[in-house]
Amino acid sequence: MQSRRIFAALLCLSSALTASRAWSQALPRSTPEEQGVSSGALLGFVQDAGQKLDALHSFILVRHGHVVAEGWWSPYGAAEPHSLYSLSKSFTSTAVGLAISEGKLSISDPVLKFFPDETPADPGKNLSSMRVRDLLRMATGQRDDDLRTFPFASDKNLVRAFLELPVPDKPGTHFVYNTAATYMLSAIVQKVTGQTVLEYLRTRFFEPLGIAQPTWDASAQGINFGGFGLSLRTEDIAKFGQLYLQKGSWAGKQLIPAAWVEAATSLQIANGSDPDSDWDQGYCYQFWRCTHGFYRADGAFGQYCVVMPEYDAVIAITSATRDLPSVLKLVWSDVLPAFKDASLPADTDSDRKLTEKLASLTLVAQTGQPGSPMGDKVTGRRYVFPANKAKIESMEFSLGSGSPNVDIKERVAGVDQDIQCGPGIWVKGDIPGDAGGPVPIAACGAWTSDDTFTFKLCRYRTPFMTTYDLRFSGDTLILETEDNVGLEGTPRVRLVGTAQN
């Protein structure tokens, strides 16, 4: 037993040392002016981000290999990973490129070659002709209507589910956005390497870049989803972009073949004709082309890694917005003019203002009154709700004892959650997650009228924030909730609960 404890302690120490070494490999820092960037212009970008978007969670700007500005809107923070959504696709593309360089597959290989046990009895001409390259550039010959309901969350064999989809068009002829195709790339990498994409990239990519403890969600078959599910810190995203900017070279070593970087970020298939749209500039191998001749990795709700070769710059952004173009447009309008061809004279005043602004960033907390006479009347009362799609069973509101915080006890799908809401400030805690582990949260709340307490619940390792309105009337609690963003929209939920005490 003692030897087991010692072994466990050594494992924990090893993990901690690995994480420490990774953070010691941080990108070098510099003042903006030293790298030819205007502090004043960057200050304008940060101010506009707060006033015009109110959606950014973080950003890191890298110029000439140096971080010149970085900020996190509290409760988000530098040490916290963030869900990348489809930005994950570009990492899967990287794994494919590495596997190709090691001779494990070719972009010309037929997809069916890798999955003889899952191939339909009569695959048809189009499916039989589908190749790895078609998966990479999302030109599989499948159609959007058939892809929308792909059963990622089910226990089904997802490779077989993909191969059973109709392929009405000849592969390679046109672009249709296809996250299931990226899953197939992940499955192919796992098939030819014997490792998940996460495991395969760990020693070849993540560790050399000093990216500590990446996580990647997987299907019921143990295959990383590929097209989503990766969580990394903002600086990790910036390192990824910097590696691609450097044509795959890092600290004197060629981590990714330069030829793959060139191919993966070049136009591979047309996807629109609007010259002003950043979604119509063409698709690469799991990267997007941008206006201005840039390219990017791109995820839902505004997760971006934009590489700007002309300016030798990279910007990494995490956010939660329904208006994806607005984030890029702000970068084009505010950041691009900040770049100069040579170092600039020191601008102490602007640099100080920028530093102070970046250090004080926070998401807008819930505004209102810190208290209401209604609070004393309803504190400790438990309200029960009828069966509902949100699976909210009950809620109890309590004023903090000796603390200005409000305690919300909520029971959802048979699981108790305890949420501490700060008065106009974010209070961190955690709630149980779907997989059983804790989900980090932060909450803040205030009385928005005499009978209504409103609080915001932020899951600060994801883009998601939920606003709750609790309106008390006699023995009734009217609860309304709304999410900031969502893959299936953000419908407002209204429930009516009845006091049980």
Protein backbone atom coordinates (compact mmCIF):
# COMPACT_ATOMS: atom_id res chain seq x y z
CA MET A 1 0.00 0.00 0.00
CA GLN A 2 2.82 2.39 0.91
CA SER A 3 4.59 1.72 -2.38
CA ARG A 4 1.35 2.54 -4.26
CA ARG A 5 1.06 5.85 -2.46
CA ILE A 6 4.67 6.71 -3.31
CA PHE A 7 4.10 5.77 -6.96
CA ALA A 8 0.93 7.88 -7.10
CA ALA A 9 2.78 10.83 -5.55
CA LEU A 10 5.58 10.49 -8.12
CA LEU A 11 3.01 10.47 -10.93
CA CYS A 12 1.44 13.66 -9.59
CA LEU A 13 4.87 15.28 -9.29
CA SER A 14 5.75 14.25 -12.83
CA SER A 15 2.50 15.72 -14.13
CA ALA A 16 3.09 18.96 -12.26
CA LEU A 17 6.67 19.21 -13.58
CA THR A 18 5.45 18.59 -17.14
CA ALA A 19 2.88 21.39 -16.79
CA SER A 20 5.52 23.68 -15.27
CA ARG A 21 7.97 23.01 -18.10
CA ALA A 22 5.22 23.69 -20.64
CA TRP A 23 4.41 27.07 -19.15
CA SER A 24 8.14 27.87 -19.01
CA GLN A 25 8.06 27.65 -22.82
CA ALA A 26 5.78 30.65 -23.09
CA LEU A 27 6.14 32.91 -26.09
CA PRO A 28 8.49 35.84 -25.47
CA ARG A 29 6.90 39.15 -24.48
CA SER A 30 7.66 42.61 -25.82
CA THR A 31 6.22 46.09 -25.84
CA PRO A 32 4.12 46.81 -28.93
CA GLU A 33 6.38 49.62 -30.13
CA GLU A 34 9.48 47.41 -30.06
CA GLN A 35 7.77 45.14 -32.59
CA GLY A 36 6.41 47.95 -34.73
CA VAL A 37 2.88 48.05 -33.31
CA SER A 38 1.07 51.12 -32.01
CA SER A 39 -0.04 50.83 -28.36
CA GLY A 40 -2.63 53.53 -28.96
CA ALA A 41 -4.22 51.60 -31.82
CA LEU A 42 -4.32 48.41 -29.74
CA LEU A 43 -5.95 50.32 -26.90
CA GLY A 44 -8.62 51.39 -29.39
CA PHE A 45 -9.15 47.75 -30.39
CA VAL A 46 -9.64 46.66 -26.77
CA GLN A 47 -12.01 49.53 -26.06
CA ASP A 48 -14.02 48.85 -29.21
CA ALA A 49 -14.16 45.13 -28.37
CA GLY A 50 -15.86 45.99 -25.09
CA GLN A 51 -18.20 48.63 -26.48
CA LYS A 52 -19.14 47.14 -29.86
CA LEU A 53 -18.94 43.40 -29.25
CA ASP A 54 -19.17 42.64 -25.51
CA ALA A 55 -18.38 39.08 -26.54
CA LEU A 56 -14.60 38.56 -26.40
CA HIS A 57 -13.22 36.23 -23.75
CA SER A 58 -9.55 36.59 -24.59
CA PHE A 59 -7.02 37.56 -27.21
CA ILE A 60 -3.28 37.33 -27.75
CA LEU A 61 -1.53 39.30 -30.48
CA VAL A 62 1.88 38.07 -31.64
CA ARG A 63 4.18 40.16 -33.85
CA HIS A 64 7.61 39.03 -35.00
CA GLY A 65 7.32 36.06 -32.64
CA HIS A 66 6.64 38.20 -29.55
CA VAL A 67 3.41 38.66 -27.63
CA VAL A 68 2.73 42.40 -27.73
CA ALA A 69 -0.75 42.44 -26.17
CA GLU A 70 -2.88 39.92 -24.32
CA GLY A 71 -6.03 40.09 -22.27
CA TRP A 72 -8.72 37.97 -20.64
CA TRP A 73 -12.15 39.20 -19.69
CA SER A 74 -12.74 37.93 -16.14
CA PRO A 75 -13.87 35.29 -15.16
CA TYR A 76 -11.87 33.92 -18.12
CA GLY A 77 -8.16 33.67 -17.43
CA ALA A 78 -4.77 32.86 -18.94
CA ALA A 79 -4.46 29.50 -17.18
CA GLU A 80 -7.92 28.29 -18.24
CA PRO A 81 -8.51 26.15 -21.33
CA HIS A 82 -11.35 27.15 -23.63
CA SER A 83 -13.54 25.01 -25.91
CA LEU A 84 -12.32 25.50 -29.49
CA TYR A 85 -15.23 23.98 -31.40
CA SER A 86 -14.34 23.81 -35.10
CA LEU A 87 -10.97 25.44 -34.59
CA SER A 88 -10.13 21.83 -33.60
CA LYS A 89 -10.35 20.89 -37.30
CA SER A 90 -7.04 22.58 -38.10
CA PHE A 91 -5.30 20.44 -35.48
CA THR A 92 -6.79 17.32 -37.06
CA SER A 93 -5.45 18.53 -40.40
CA THR A 94 -2.03 18.82 -38.79
CA ALA A 95 -2.23 15.20 -37.61
CA VAL A 96 -3.11 14.10 -41.15
CA GLY A 97 -0.14 16.01 -42.54
CA LEU A 98 2.21 14.38 -40.04
CA ALA A 99 0.84 10.91 -40.79
CA ILE A 100 1.34 11.56 -44.52
CA SER A 101 4.94 12.69 -43.89
CA GLU A 102 5.56 9.43 -42.03
CA GLY A 103 4.29 7.40 -44.98
CA LYS A 104 1.22 6.09 -43.16
CA LEU A 105 -1.27 7.35 -45.74
CA SER A 106 -1.72 9.57 -48.79
CA ILE A 107 -4.24 12.27 -49.62
CA SER A 108 -5.10 10.18 -52.70
CA ASP A 109 -6.07 7.09 -50.67
CA PRO A 110 -9.71 6.04 -51.03
CA VAL A 111 -11.61 6.47 -47.77
CA LEU A 112 -13.02 2.95 -47.98
CA LYS A 113 -9.49 1.53 -47.96
CA PHE A 114 -9.26 2.13 -44.22
CA PHE A 115 -12.63 0.70 -43.19
CA PRO A 116 -13.37 -2.62 -44.91
CA ASP A 117 -15.49 -3.80 -41.97
CA GLU A 118 -17.74 -0.72 -42.09
CA THR A 119 -18.10 -0.46 -45.87
CA PRO A 120 -21.70 -0.87 -47.12
CA ALA A 121 -22.42 -3.95 -49.21
CA ASP A 122 -23.05 -1.78 -52.27
CA PRO A 123 -21.06 1.45 -51.72
CA GLY A 124 -21.76 2.92 -55.13
CA LYS A 125 -19.46 4.76 -57.49
CA ASN A 126 -19.32 8.10 -55.65
CA LEU A 127 -18.55 6.72 -52.19
CA SER A 128 -15.99 4.36 -53.71
CA SER A 129 -14.21 7.30 -55.35
CA MET A 130 -14.16 9.49 -52.19
CA ARG A 131 -10.57 10.17 -51.10
CA VAL A 132 -8.75 11.59 -48.10
CA ARG A 133 -8.29 14.82 -50.00
CA ASP A 134 -12.06 15.16 -50.37
CA LEU A 135 -12.46 14.87 -46.59
CA LEU A 136 -9.77 17.49 -46.03
CA ARG A 137 -11.37 20.10 -48.27
CA MET A 138 -14.99 19.17 -47.45
CA ALA A 139 -15.88 18.08 -50.94
CA THR A 140 -17.22 14.61 -50.18
CA GLY A 141 -20.23 14.73 -52.51
CA GLN A 142 -22.63 14.63 -49.56
CA ARG A 143 -25.30 17.26 -48.95
CA ASP A 144 -26.02 19.54 -46.05
CA ASP A 145 -29.51 18.18 -45.36
CA ASP A 146 -28.06 14.72 -44.74
CA LEU A 147 -25.21 16.02 -42.55
CA ARG A 148 -27.18 18.25 -40.18
CA THR A 149 -28.41 15.42 -37.99
CA PHE A 150 -25.23 13.36 -37.92
CA PRO A 151 -25.43 11.41 -34.61
CA PHE A 152 -22.23 12.56 -32.90
CA ALA A 153 -23.77 12.19 -29.42
CA SER A 154 -25.08 8.67 -29.95
CA ASP A 155 -23.45 5.30 -29.26
CA LYS A 156 -23.64 4.41 -32.94
CA ASN A 157 -20.56 3.43 -34.90
CA LEU A 158 -19.94 6.87 -36.43
CA VAL A 159 -17.64 5.61 -39.18
CA ARG A 160 -20.39 3.29 -40.38
CA ALA A 161 -22.95 6.08 -40.01
CA PHE A 162 -20.82 8.32 -42.24
CA LEU A 163 -20.33 5.66 -44.89
CA GLU A 164 -24.09 5.01 -44.97
CA LEU A 165 -24.89 8.64 -45.82
CA PRO A 166 -26.02 9.33 -49.38
CA VAL A 167 -23.30 10.58 -51.75
CA PRO A 168 -25.39 12.01 -54.59
CA ASP A 169 -22.63 14.15 -56.07
CA LYS A 170 -19.20 13.29 -57.39
CA PRO A 171 -16.58 13.87 -54.64
CA GLY A 172 -14.30 16.82 -55.28
CA THR A 173 -16.83 18.84 -57.27
CA HIS A 174 -18.14 21.28 -54.63
CA PHE A 175 -17.75 22.44 -51.04
CA VAL A 176 -20.26 21.52 -48.31
CA TYR A 177 -19.28 22.21 -44.71
CA ASN A 178 -18.89 18.77 -43.17
CA THR A 179 -17.81 18.17 -39.56
CA ALA A 180 -18.46 14.45 -40.00
CA ALA A 181 -15.74 14.42 -42.67
CA THR A 182 -13.27 15.70 -40.08
CA TYR A 183 -14.33 12.89 -37.75
CA MET A 184 -13.40 10.49 -40.54
CA LEU A 185 -9.96 12.09 -40.79
CA SER A 186 -9.52 11.52 -37.06
CA ALA A 187 -10.65 7.91 -37.47
CA ILE A 188 -8.20 7.39 -40.34
CA VAL A 189 -5.28 8.77 -38.31
CA GLN A 190 -6.21 6.46 -35.46
CA LYS A 191 -6.50 3.53 -37.85
CA VAL A 192 -3.05 3.98 -39.40
CA THR A 193 -1.16 5.03 -36.25
CA GLY A 194 -2.85 3.02 -33.52
CA GLN A 195 -3.26 6.22 -31.53
CA THR A 196 -5.99 8.80 -31.15
CA VAL A 197 -5.27 12.15 -32.75
CA LEU A 198 -4.66 13.56 -29.26
CA GLU A 199 -2.14 10.82 -28.43
CA TYR A 200 -0.50 11.05 -31.83
CA LEU A 201 -0.01 14.81 -31.61
CA ARG A 202 1.15 14.78 -28.00
CA THR A 203 4.85 13.99 -28.53
CA ARG A 204 5.08 15.24 -32.11
CA PHE A 205 3.35 18.56 -31.61
CA PHE A 206 1.87 19.50 -28.24
CA GLU A 207 4.91 18.79 -26.07
CA PRO A 208 7.47 20.49 -28.37
CA LEU A 209 5.26 23.60 -28.35
CA GLY A 210 4.92 23.50 -24.58
CA ILE A 211 1.17 22.88 -24.72
CA ALA A 212 0.27 21.28 -21.40
CA GLN A 213 -2.65 18.93 -20.74
CA PRO A 214 -4.72 19.33 -23.92
CA THR A 215 -8.06 17.51 -23.81
CA TRP A 216 -10.15 16.26 -26.71
CA ASP A 217 -13.63 14.76 -26.50
CA ALA A 218 -14.16 11.37 -28.12
CA SER A 219 -16.98 9.28 -29.55
CA ALA A 220 -18.34 6.12 -27.96
CA GLN A 221 -15.81 4.23 -30.13
CA GLY A 222 -12.91 6.12 -28.50
CA ILE A 223 -12.12 8.26 -31.55
CA ASN A 224 -11.47 11.96 -30.97
CA PHE A 225 -14.24 13.92 -32.68
CA GLY A 226 -11.68 15.73 -34.83
CA GLY A 227 -14.01 18.49 -35.96
CA PHE A 228 -14.64 19.75 -32.42
CA GLY A 229 -13.99 18.84 -28.80
CA LEU A 230 -10.43 20.16 -28.32
CA SER A 231 -9.81 22.54 -25.40
CA LEU A 232 -6.65 24.65 -25.11
CA ARG A 233 -5.44 27.86 -23.51
CA THR A 234 -5.35 31.03 -25.57
CA GLU A 235 -1.57 31.05 -25.69
CA ASP A 236 -1.65 27.49 -27.04
CA ILE A 237 -3.81 28.73 -29.92
CA ALA A 238 -1.33 31.54 -30.54
CA LYS A 239 1.57 29.06 -30.58
CA PHE A 240 -0.28 26.97 -33.14
CA GLY A 241 -0.66 29.99 -35.40
CA GLN A 242 2.95 31.01 -34.89
CA LEU A 243 4.13 27.51 -35.83
CA TYR A 244 2.20 27.74 -39.10
CA LEU A 245 3.50 31.27 -39.69
CA GLN A 246 7.01 29.82 -39.31
CA LYS A 247 6.22 27.15 -41.93
CA GLY A 248 6.20 24.36 -39.35
CA SER A 249 9.54 25.22 -37.75
CA TRP A 250 9.85 25.62 -33.97
CA ALA A 251 13.00 26.21 -31.90
CA GLY A 252 15.18 25.03 -34.76
CA LYS A 253 13.19 21.84 -35.44
CA GLN A 254 10.82 21.15 -38.32
CA LEU A 255 7.74 19.88 -36.48
CA ILE A 256 5.46 19.96 -39.54
CA PRO A 257 6.73 19.66 -43.12
CA ALA A 258 6.79 23.07 -44.76
CA ALA A 259 5.15 21.55 -47.83
CA TRP A 260 2.17 20.48 -45.73
CA VAL A 261 1.84 23.94 -44.17
CA GLU A 262 1.78 25.44 -47.65
CA ALA A 263 -0.79 22.96 -48.97
CA ALA A 264 -2.99 23.01 -45.87
CA THR A 265 -3.33 26.80 -45.88
CA SER A 266 -3.65 27.34 -49.64
CA LEU A 267 -6.91 27.58 -51.57
CA GLN A 268 -8.07 24.03 -52.28
CA ILE A 269 -11.69 24.59 -53.24
CA ALA A 270 -13.93 27.60 -53.92
CA ASN A 271 -16.76 28.18 -51.45
CA GLY A 272 -18.39 31.46 -52.50
CA SER A 273 -18.06 34.60 -54.56
CA ASP A 274 -18.49 37.57 -52.19
CA PRO A 275 -15.14 39.41 -52.27
CA ASP A 276 -15.86 41.08 -48.93
CA SER A 277 -16.87 37.98 -46.99
CA ASP A 278 -14.31 36.12 -44.90
CA TRP A 279 -16.38 32.96 -45.49
CA ASP A 280 -16.20 33.21 -49.30
CA GLN A 281 -12.45 33.34 -49.87
CA GLY A 282 -12.02 29.59 -50.32
CA TYR A 283 -11.40 26.57 -48.14
CA CYS A 284 -8.08 24.82 -47.60
CA TYR A 285 -7.30 21.58 -45.76
CA GLN A 286 -9.43 22.33 -42.66
CA PHE A 287 -8.38 25.99 -42.68
CA TRP A 288 -10.25 28.99 -44.10
CA ARG A 289 -8.87 31.67 -46.36
CA CYS A 290 -9.57 35.26 -45.24
CA THR A 291 -9.78 38.60 -46.95
CA HIS A 292 -6.44 40.47 -47.02
CA GLY A 293 -4.72 37.24 -48.10
CA PHE A 294 -4.69 35.80 -44.57
CA TYR A 295 -5.82 32.38 -43.37
CA ARG A 296 -7.38 31.12 -40.16
CA ALA A 297 -8.50 28.26 -37.99
CA ASP A 298 -12.10 28.99 -37.04
CA GLY A 299 -14.58 27.73 -34.44
CA ALA A 300 -18.22 28.35 -33.54
CA PHE A 301 -19.13 31.48 -31.59
CA GLY A 302 -15.89 33.25 -32.51
CA GLN A 303 -12.89 31.05 -31.73
CA TYR A 304 -10.14 32.24 -34.06
CA CYS A 305 -6.50 31.75 -34.88
CA VAL A 306 -5.73 34.22 -37.66
CA VAL A 307 -2.34 34.08 -39.39
CA MET A 308 -1.27 37.27 -41.16
CA PRO A 309 1.93 36.47 -43.12
CA GLU A 310 2.15 39.94 -44.69
CA TYR A 311 2.54 41.45 -41.21
CA ASP A 312 4.42 38.53 -39.60
CA ALA A 313 1.64 38.40 -37.03
CA VAL A 314 -0.86 36.06 -35.40
CA ILE A 315 -3.94 36.83 -33.35
CA ALA A 316 -5.70 34.23 -31.20
CA ILE A 317 -9.22 35.01 -29.99
CA THR A 318 -11.82 33.23 -27.88
CA SER A 319 -15.32 34.64 -27.65
CA ALA A 320 -19.07 34.05 -27.61
CA THR A 321 -20.91 35.86 -30.36
CA ARG A 322 -23.77 35.21 -32.75
CA ASP A 323 -22.21 37.68 -35.20
CA LEU A 324 -19.04 35.89 -36.30
CA PRO A 325 -17.98 38.43 -38.97
CA SER A 326 -18.01 41.27 -36.42
CA VAL A 327 -14.94 39.93 -34.63
CA LEU A 328 -12.82 39.68 -37.77
CA LYS A 329 -14.03 43.05 -39.03
CA LEU A 330 -12.85 44.64 -35.79
CA VAL A 331 -9.43 43.05 -36.23
CA TRP A 332 -9.22 44.39 -39.77
CA SER A 333 -10.36 47.89 -38.82
CA ASP A 334 -8.44 48.34 -35.56
CA VAL A 335 -5.44 46.00 -35.51
CA LEU A 336 -4.17 46.07 -39.07
CA PRO A 337 -3.54 49.86 -39.00
CA ALA A 338 -1.49 49.33 -35.83
CA PHE A 339 1.21 47.42 -37.74
CA LYS A 340 4.22 49.41 -38.93
CA ASP A 341 7.23 48.32 -40.96
CA ALA A 342 9.80 49.09 -38.27
CA SER A 343 10.11 49.56 -34.54
CA LEU A 344 8.42 52.68 -33.17
CA PRO A 345 9.61 55.17 -30.57
CA ALA A 346 8.51 54.26 -27.06
CA ASP A 347 5.01 55.53 -26.25
CA THR A 348 5.04 55.35 -22.47
CA ASP A 349 1.65 56.93 -21.93
CA SER A 350 -0.25 54.76 -24.42
CA ASP A 351 1.59 51.63 -23.30
CA ARG A 352 0.67 52.34 -19.68
CA LYS A 353 -2.99 52.92 -20.56
CA LEU A 354 -3.05 49.73 -22.61
CA THR A 355 -1.45 47.72 -19.81
CA GLU A 356 -3.93 49.08 -17.26
CA LYS A 357 -6.86 48.38 -19.55
CA LEU A 358 -5.75 44.81 -20.24
CA ALA A 359 -5.30 44.15 -16.52
CA SER A 360 -8.84 45.28 -15.69
CA LEU A 361 -10.88 43.48 -18.35
CA THR A 362 -14.08 41.82 -17.18
CA LEU A 363 -17.33 40.63 -18.69
CA VAL A 364 -20.19 42.96 -17.85
CA ALA A 365 -21.62 41.85 -14.52
CA GLN A 366 -25.33 41.86 -13.78
CA THR A 367 -26.46 45.34 -12.78
CA GLY A 368 -29.25 46.26 -10.37
CA GLN A 369 -29.83 46.70 -6.66
CA PRO A 370 -27.88 44.57 -4.16
CA GLY A 371 -31.00 43.90 -2.09
CA SER A 372 -34.82 43.95 -1.99
CA PRO A 373 -37.41 43.40 0.76
CA MET A 374 -38.55 40.42 -1.30
CA GLY A 375 -35.26 38.68 -0.50
CA ASP A 376 -36.15 38.26 3.18
CA LYS A 377 -39.60 36.89 2.26
CA VAL A 378 -38.38 34.18 -0.12
CA THR A 379 -35.05 33.19 1.40
CA GLY A 380 -34.94 29.49 2.18
CA ARG A 381 -38.10 28.67 0.24
CA ARG A 382 -37.93 25.75 -2.19
CA TYR A 383 -39.84 26.00 -5.45
CA VAL A 384 -40.69 22.88 -7.45
CA PHE A 385 -41.28 22.88 -11.22
CA PRO A 386 -43.34 20.50 -13.34
CA ALA A 387 -41.48 18.24 -15.78
CA ASN A 388 -39.77 20.28 -18.48
CA LYS A 389 -37.24 19.93 -21.31
CA ALA A 390 -34.63 21.87 -19.33
CA LYS A 391 -34.91 19.18 -16.60
CA ILE A 392 -34.96 21.85 -13.87
CA GLU A 393 -36.72 20.19 -10.93
CA SER A 394 -36.45 22.72 -8.13
CA MET A 395 -34.77 25.94 -7.02
CA GLU A 396 -34.09 27.52 -3.63
CA PHE A 397 -33.07 31.14 -3.10
CA SER A 398 -31.10 32.08 0.04
CA LEU A 399 -29.47 35.27 1.25
CA GLY A 400 -25.88 34.72 2.33
CA SER A 401 -25.24 34.54 6.07
CA GLY A 402 -22.59 37.14 6.86
CA SER A 403 -21.87 37.49 3.13
CA PRO A 404 -23.31 39.73 0.41
CA ASN A 405 -23.58 36.71 -1.90
CA VAL A 406 -26.86 35.05 -2.84
CA ASP A 407 -26.96 31.25 -2.76
CA ILE A 408 -28.99 29.51 -5.46
CA LYS A 409 -29.60 25.80 -4.93
CA GLU A 410 -30.86 24.18 -8.10
CA ARG A 411 -31.73 20.57 -8.82
CA VAL A 412 -31.34 19.60 -12.47
CA ALA A 413 -31.90 16.07 -13.80
CA GLY A 414 -31.60 14.65 -10.31
CA VAL A 415 -28.33 16.44 -9.53
CA ASP A 416 -27.96 19.23 -6.97
CA GLN A 417 -26.13 22.40 -7.95
CA ASP A 418 -25.01 25.15 -5.58
CA ILE A 419 -24.38 28.53 -7.19
CA GLN A 420 -22.93 31.50 -5.32
CA CYS A 421 -23.85 34.83 -6.96
CA GLY A 422 -21.76 37.89 -6.21
CA PRO A 423 -23.42 41.33 -6.06
CA GLY A 424 -22.09 42.90 -9.26
CA ILE A 425 -18.93 40.78 -9.15
CA TRP A 426 -18.10 37.33 -10.48
CA VAL A 427 -17.86 34.60 -7.84
CA LYS A 428 -16.20 31.37 -8.97
CA GLY A 429 -17.33 27.88 -8.05
CA ASP A 430 -18.31 24.67 -9.80
CA ILE A 431 -21.33 22.53 -10.56
CA PRO A 432 -21.55 18.84 -11.51
CA GLY A 433 -21.08 18.17 -15.20
CA ASP A 434 -22.80 15.68 -17.50
CA ALA A 435 -19.78 13.38 -17.31
CA GLY A 436 -19.73 13.50 -13.53
CA GLY A 437 -16.76 15.83 -13.10
CA PRO A 438 -17.00 19.42 -11.86
CA VAL A 439 -17.68 22.23 -14.32
CA PRO A 440 -16.03 25.53 -13.36
CA ILE A 441 -18.50 28.39 -13.23
CA ALA A 442 -18.73 32.00 -12.16
CA ALA A 443 -21.92 33.85 -11.26
CA CYS A 444 -23.08 37.34 -10.42
CA GLY A 445 -26.53 38.72 -9.68
CA ALA A 446 -28.66 41.67 -8.59
CA TRP A 447 -32.28 42.68 -8.05
CA THR A 448 -33.51 44.11 -11.33
CA SER A 449 -36.89 45.04 -9.81
CA ASP A 450 -38.52 44.71 -6.39
CA ASP A 451 -39.71 41.18 -7.14
CA THR A 452 -37.08 39.92 -9.64
CA PHE A 453 -33.57 38.66 -8.98
CA THR A 454 -31.44 38.23 -12.12
CA PHE A 455 -28.18 36.35 -12.26
CA LYS A 456 -25.69 35.33 -14.90
CA LEU A 457 -24.02 31.92 -14.85
CA CYS A 458 -20.80 31.72 -16.90
CA ARG A 459 -19.15 28.39 -17.74
CA TYR A 460 -15.78 29.99 -18.23
CA ARG A 461 -14.06 27.13 -20.02
CA THR A 462 -16.69 27.34 -22.73
CA PRO A 463 -18.41 30.17 -24.62
CA PHE A 464 -21.63 29.70 -22.67
CA MET A 465 -23.39 32.03 -20.27
CA THR A 466 -26.98 31.66 -19.09
CA THR A 467 -29.07 34.53 -17.73
CA TYR A 468 -31.73 33.61 -15.14
CA ASP A 469 -34.65 35.84 -14.19
CA LEU A 470 -36.34 34.79 -10.91
CA ARG A 471 -39.67 36.62 -10.39
CA PHE A 472 -41.33 35.93 -7.06
CA SER A 473 -45.09 36.34 -6.51
CA GLY A 474 -46.72 34.85 -3.40
CA ASP A 475 -46.04 31.11 -3.50
CA THR A 476 -44.98 31.19 -7.15
CA LEU A 477 -41.59 31.54 -8.80
CA ILE A 478 -41.57 32.42 -12.49
CA LEU A 479 -38.20 31.36 -13.87
CA GLU A 480 -36.99 32.49 -17.29
CA THR A 481 -33.61 31.53 -18.72
CA GLU A 482 -31.74 32.37 -21.91
CA ASP A 483 -28.30 31.35 -23.20
CA ASN A 484 -25.98 33.84 -24.88
CA VAL A 485 -25.18 31.54 -27.80
CA GLY A 486 -26.15 28.05 -28.92
CA LEU A 487 -25.76 25.66 -31.82
CA GLU A 488 -29.53 25.36 -32.08
CA GLY A 489 -30.42 28.96 -31.29
CA THR A 490 -31.11 30.50 -27.90
CA PRO A 491 -34.79 30.09 -27.15
CA ARG A 492 -36.00 31.66 -23.92
CA VAL A 493 -37.25 29.06 -21.42
CA ARG A 494 -40.12 29.96 -19.07
CA LEU A 495 -41.08 27.77 -16.08
CA VAL A 496 -43.49 28.31 -13.22
CA GLY A 497 -42.63 26.78 -9.86
CA THR A 498 -44.63 26.42 -6.67
CA ALA A 499 -43.27 26.86 -3.13
CA GLN A 500 -43.12 23.68 -1.04
CA ASN A 501 -42.42 25.39 2.31
